[in-house]
Protein backbone atom coordinates (compact mmCIF):
# COMPACT_ATOMS: atom_id res chain seq x y z
CA MET A 1 85.15 -57.39 -21.85
CA LEU A 2 84.42 -54.36 -23.19
CA TRP A 3 86.50 -51.69 -24.52
CA TYR A 4 86.21 -48.01 -24.06
CA ARG A 5 87.78 -45.26 -26.28
CA ALA A 6 87.09 -41.71 -26.62
CA ALA A 7 86.83 -40.74 -30.20
CA GLY A 8 86.45 -36.98 -29.83
CA PRO A 9 82.91 -36.23 -29.49
CA TYR A 10 82.05 -39.93 -29.47
CA THR A 11 83.25 -42.71 -27.01
CA MET A 12 83.64 -46.05 -28.62
CA LEU A 13 82.06 -49.15 -26.91
CA ARG A 14 83.71 -52.57 -28.66
CA ARG A 15 81.05 -55.32 -28.90
CA THR A 16 78.14 -53.72 -27.64
CA ASP A 17 74.71 -52.69 -30.00
CA VAL A 18 72.08 -50.76 -28.84
CA LYS A 19 68.75 -52.90 -28.96
CA GLY A 20 65.91 -50.97 -30.90
CA GLN A 21 66.06 -46.88 -30.96
CA ASP A 22 66.47 -47.25 -34.61
CA ILE A 23 66.18 -43.95 -36.11
CA ASN A 24 63.74 -44.06 -39.53
CA CYS A 25 65.57 -42.14 -42.52
CA ASN A 26 62.51 -43.23 -44.89
CA TYR A 27 64.71 -45.45 -46.67
CA LYS A 28 62.51 -47.99 -49.22
CA ASP A 29 63.95 -51.45 -49.72
CA TYR A 30 63.68 -53.17 -53.26
CA ASN A 31 59.82 -53.68 -52.76
CA GLY A 32 59.22 -49.84 -52.37
CA ARG A 33 58.39 -50.51 -48.35
CA VAL A 34 59.93 -47.95 -45.56
CA GLN A 35 62.54 -49.27 -43.83
CA SER A 36 62.10 -48.65 -39.82
CA TYR A 37 65.55 -48.17 -39.26
CA CYS A 38 68.40 -45.94 -40.80
CA GLN A 39 71.33 -48.05 -42.31
CA LEU A 40 74.36 -45.97 -43.73
CA ASN A 41 77.23 -47.65 -45.78
CA GLY A 42 80.41 -45.87 -45.75
CA ASP A 43 83.53 -45.26 -43.33
CA LEU A 44 83.65 -44.08 -39.74
CA ALA A 45 83.61 -40.18 -40.59
CA ASN A 46 80.78 -40.31 -43.05
CA GLN A 47 78.47 -42.25 -40.55
CA ILE A 48 79.31 -39.99 -37.67
CA SER A 49 78.99 -37.05 -40.13
CA ALA A 50 75.57 -38.41 -41.09
CA CYS A 51 74.91 -39.17 -37.15
CA ASN A 52 75.92 -35.35 -36.36
CA ASP A 53 73.38 -34.14 -39.33
CA ASN A 54 70.49 -36.05 -37.60
CA PRO A 55 69.37 -34.32 -34.57
CA LYS A 56 67.52 -37.45 -33.10
CA CYS A 57 70.91 -39.20 -33.73
CA LYS A 58 72.35 -40.43 -30.23
CA ALA A 59 74.96 -42.98 -31.54
CA ILE A 60 75.66 -45.07 -34.14
CA THR A 61 76.39 -49.23 -34.00
CA ILE A 62 78.37 -50.52 -36.50
CA GLN A 63 78.07 -53.92 -38.04
CA SER A 64 81.33 -53.77 -40.15
CA ASP A 65 83.84 -51.71 -41.09
CA TYR A 66 81.11 -49.98 -43.60
CA SER A 67 77.61 -50.75 -42.24
CA GLY A 68 76.78 -48.93 -39.31
CA TYR A 69 72.58 -48.08 -37.76
CA LEU A 70 71.93 -44.19 -36.62
CA LYS A 71 70.48 -44.90 -33.23
CA ALA A 72 68.18 -42.15 -31.06
CA GLY A 73 68.98 -44.13 -27.82
CA LYS A 74 72.12 -44.34 -25.69
CA PRO A 75 73.19 -48.26 -24.87
CA ALA A 76 71.75 -49.85 -21.59
CA SER A 77 73.79 -49.84 -18.77
CA PRO A 78 75.41 -52.77 -18.42
CA PRO A 79 75.74 -52.36 -22.54
CA LEU A 80 73.92 -55.33 -24.71
CA TYR A 81 77.40 -57.71 -25.28
CA ARG A 82 77.54 -58.12 -29.49
CA GLU A 83 80.28 -59.78 -30.60
CA GLY A 84 81.15 -58.10 -34.15
CA PHE A 85 79.40 -54.70 -33.49
CA VAL A 86 81.27 -51.46 -32.14
CA THR A 87 78.68 -48.45 -30.82
CA TYR A 88 80.18 -44.86 -30.83
CA VAL A 89 78.05 -42.80 -28.13
CA LYS A 90 77.69 -39.14 -28.46
CA ASN A 91 79.64 -37.50 -25.53
């Protein structure tokens, strides 16, 4: 069962993920390769702020309390079920 809750300008979808739709933030790994995703560490307020500051961002998928990914698209309908993930979608 999915759980929905409005969080200001975002809607929270518990146990959901956005497949693909990753935003490239030009971050590099330890070998200097550009990553195809934008992984953020920080609390929810920092991740929402980063999404608000990025015009491509439509959602944030959070894998743990302090690790999230900016997404350029919203979840499919029905959303992809994924235990341990929470997605915040811009309203």
